[in-house]
């Protein structure tokens, strides 16, 4: 009887310890994921603001800009706007790659428009001024994401993380 009580106490202690480790790991992963999500949301917000500014600039130079560039930019704007960013996208590496590709293509087209020989408009001037600031803000947000995702992925390894069903995050945006 005494042996049975000791065995039950040891089992209960072990289960409590395992439950504590699982809860601690879950909380840490949840916090690290929230940091990654926040940085991702910042990147997505900058891109969303860029689309609004780009549409206004595109409309303002329709009569004077190169028609081929305008078609390309309009296509890039529509493709980028059709893929709204959400934090659930972080669980899908293919979607992240597609998002990065579309935003990169849009950025290239916007810089071509900003550098082009079109009649200056207030919207185009605003785009020209905003693009470098956006790139700096994006670089900062991407670095925060990179650090947060690296910490998350380092902690998100092993059987316990698999049991909790956390997926690794993309290393960069």
Protein backbone atom coordinates (compact mmCIF):
# COMPACT_ATOMS: atom_id res chain seq x y z
CA UNK A 1 0.00 0.00 0.00
CA UNK A 2 2.80 2.40 0.92
CA UNK A 3 4.61 1.57 -2.34
CA UNK A 4 1.46 2.24 -4.28
CA UNK A 5 1.01 5.65 -2.66
CA UNK A 6 4.62 6.55 -3.45
CA UNK A 7 4.18 5.38 -7.05
CA UNK A 8 0.96 7.40 -7.44
CA UNK A 9 2.63 10.48 -5.93
CA UNK A 10 5.58 10.10 -8.30
CA UNK A 11 3.24 9.70 -11.26
CA UNK A 12 1.20 12.74 -10.24
CA UNK A 13 4.38 14.79 -9.82
CA UNK A 14 5.66 13.69 -13.23
CA UNK A 15 2.36 14.53 -14.90
CA UNK A 16 2.31 17.94 -13.23
CA UNK A 17 5.87 18.59 -14.40
CA UNK A 18 5.06 17.55 -17.97
CA UNK A 19 1.92 19.71 -17.96
CA UNK A 20 3.98 22.66 -16.73
CA UNK A 21 6.58 22.19 -19.46
CA UNK A 22 3.88 21.93 -22.13
CA UNK A 23 2.12 25.05 -20.84
CA UNK A 24 5.40 26.99 -20.63
CA UNK A 25 6.41 25.98 -24.15
CA UNK A 26 2.98 26.87 -25.49
CA UNK A 27 3.05 30.32 -23.86
CA UNK A 28 6.55 31.07 -25.14
CA UNK A 29 5.69 29.95 -28.66
CA UNK A 30 2.47 31.94 -28.57
CA UNK A 31 4.38 35.08 -27.50
CA UNK A 32 7.06 34.59 -30.17
CA UNK A 33 4.42 33.98 -32.82
CA UNK A 34 2.63 37.18 -31.76
CA UNK A 35 5.89 39.11 -32.26
CA UNK A 36 6.26 37.64 -35.75
CA UNK A 37 2.63 38.42 -36.53
CA UNK A 38 3.04 42.04 -35.40
CA UNK A 39 6.07 42.58 -37.66
CA UNK A 40 4.25 40.89 -40.56
CA UNK A 41 1.21 43.12 -40.00
CA UNK A 42 3.48 46.15 -40.14
CA UNK A 43 4.91 45.01 -43.50
CA UNK A 44 1.41 44.34 -44.83
CA UNK A 45 0.15 47.76 -43.69
CA UNK A 46 3.00 49.54 -45.48
CA UNK A 47 2.22 47.60 -48.66
CA UNK A 48 -1.50 48.39 -48.37
CA UNK A 49 -0.78 52.12 -47.98
CA UNK A 50 1.59 51.92 -50.94
CA UNK A 51 -1.15 50.47 -53.13
CA UNK A 52 -3.51 53.34 -52.29
CA UNK A 53 -0.82 55.94 -53.02
CA UNK A 54 0.20 54.15 -56.23
CA UNK A 55 -3.37 54.05 -57.55
CA UNK A 56 -3.71 57.79 -57.05
CA UNK A 57 -0.37 58.44 -58.76
CA UNK A 58 -1.28 56.14 -61.64
CA UNK A 59 -4.57 57.93 -62.25
CA UNK A 60 -2.85 61.33 -62.10
CA UNK A 61 -0.34 60.51 -64.86
CA UNK A 62 -2.57 58.52 -67.20
CA UNK A 63 -2.44 61.16 -69.94
CA UNK A 64 1.35 61.67 -69.91
CA UNK A 65 3.05 58.41 -68.92
CA UNK A 66 4.24 55.59 -71.16
CA UNK A 67 1.15 53.43 -71.91
CA UNK A 68 3.15 50.20 -71.61
CA UNK A 69 4.40 51.21 -68.16
CA UNK A 70 0.88 52.21 -67.14
CA UNK A 71 -0.51 48.80 -68.21
CA UNK A 72 2.28 47.01 -66.35
CA UNK A 73 1.76 49.09 -63.23
CA UNK A 74 -2.01 48.66 -63.37
CA UNK A 75 -1.54 44.89 -63.69
CA UNK A 76 0.89 44.85 -60.74
CA UNK A 77 -1.49 46.94 -58.63
CA UNK A 78 -4.40 44.62 -59.35
CA UNK A 79 -2.35 41.50 -58.64
CA UNK A 80 -1.00 42.95 -55.39
CA UNK A 81 -4.41 44.18 -54.23
CA UNK A 82 -5.94 40.78 -55.04
CA UNK A 83 -3.64 39.11 -52.51
CA UNK A 84 -4.37 40.80 -49.20
CA UNK A 85 -1.98 39.90 -46.43
CA UNK A 86 -3.09 38.15 -43.28
CA UNK A 87 -1.19 36.48 -40.47
CA UNK A 88 -2.58 33.08 -41.51
CA UNK A 89 -0.48 33.51 -44.65
CA UNK A 90 2.61 32.99 -42.49
CA UNK A 91 1.68 29.31 -42.23
CA UNK A 92 1.82 28.91 -46.02
CA UNK A 93 5.34 29.26 -47.50
CA UNK A 94 3.99 29.20 -51.07
CA UNK A 95 1.61 32.08 -50.33
CA UNK A 96 4.41 34.06 -48.66
CA UNK A 97 6.65 33.56 -51.70
CA UNK A 98 3.85 34.66 -54.04
CA UNK A 99 3.17 37.72 -51.87
CA UNK A 100 6.86 38.67 -51.83
CA UNK A 101 7.08 38.22 -55.60
CA UNK A 102 4.04 40.41 -56.29
CA UNK A 103 5.14 43.14 -53.91
CA UNK A 104 8.64 43.11 -55.40
CA UNK A 105 7.26 43.43 -58.93
CA UNK A 106 4.99 46.28 -57.82
CA UNK A 107 7.88 48.06 -56.11
CA UNK A 108 9.97 47.84 -59.28
CA UNK A 109 7.15 49.22 -61.40
CA UNK A 110 6.53 52.06 -58.93
CA UNK A 111 10.18 53.08 -58.94
CA UNK A 112 10.10 53.07 -62.76
CA UNK A 113 7.04 55.32 -62.70
CA UNK A 114 8.61 57.62 -60.12
CA UNK A 115 11.82 57.90 -62.14
CA UNK A 116 10.07 58.27 -65.49
CA UNK A 117 9.63 61.33 -67.64
CA UNK A 118 6.00 62.06 -66.88
CA UNK A 119 4.37 65.38 -66.20
CA UNK A 120 4.70 66.05 -62.49
CA UNK A 121 1.53 65.80 -60.43
CA UNK A 122 1.00 66.19 -56.72
CA UNK A 123 0.24 62.47 -56.43
CA UNK A 124 3.37 61.50 -58.32
CA UNK A 125 5.46 63.84 -56.17
CA UNK A 126 3.96 62.23 -53.08
CA UNK A 127 4.80 58.77 -54.44
CA UNK A 128 8.37 59.85 -55.22
CA UNK A 129 8.81 61.15 -51.69
CA UNK A 130 7.11 58.19 -50.00
CA UNK A 131 8.82 55.28 -51.78
CA UNK A 132 12.25 55.68 -50.11
CA UNK A 133 10.62 56.15 -46.69
CA UNK A 134 8.52 53.02 -47.27
CA UNK A 135 11.59 51.02 -48.23
CA UNK A 136 13.34 52.05 -45.01
CA UNK A 137 10.26 51.23 -42.91
CA UNK A 138 9.90 47.88 -44.71
CA UNK A 139 13.55 47.04 -44.04
CA UNK A 140 13.06 47.76 -40.33
CA UNK A 141 9.85 45.72 -40.12
CA UNK A 142 11.42 42.83 -42.07
CA UNK A 143 14.37 42.80 -39.67
CA UNK A 144 12.00 42.65 -36.69
CA UNK A 145 10.16 39.81 -38.39
CA UNK A 146 13.42 37.99 -39.17
CA UNK A 147 14.53 38.19 -35.53
CA UNK A 148 11.12 37.13 -34.21
CA UNK A 149 10.73 34.26 -36.68
CA UNK A 150 14.27 33.04 -35.94
CA UNK A 151 13.50 32.98 -32.20
CA UNK A 152 10.17 31.26 -32.86
CA UNK A 153 11.70 28.64 -35.16
CA UNK A 154 14.56 27.97 -32.72
CA UNK A 155 12.06 27.32 -29.94
CA UNK A 156 9.66 25.50 -32.27
CA UNK A 157 11.57 22.27 -32.64
CA UNK A 158 11.20 18.79 -31.28
CA UNK A 159 8.36 16.52 -30.39
CA UNK A 160 6.67 18.94 -28.00
CA UNK A 161 6.37 21.68 -30.63
CA UNK A 162 5.00 19.11 -33.07
CA UNK A 163 2.49 18.00 -30.47
CA UNK A 164 1.38 21.62 -30.05
CA UNK A 165 1.00 21.84 -33.87
CA UNK A 166 3.09 24.95 -34.42
CA UNK A 167 4.57 25.22 -37.90
CA UNK A 168 7.91 26.85 -38.66
CA UNK A 169 7.73 30.39 -40.03
CA UNK A 170 9.35 31.72 -43.17
CA UNK A 171 12.77 33.06 -42.26
CA UNK A 172 12.43 36.32 -44.22
CA UNK A 173 9.80 38.55 -45.81
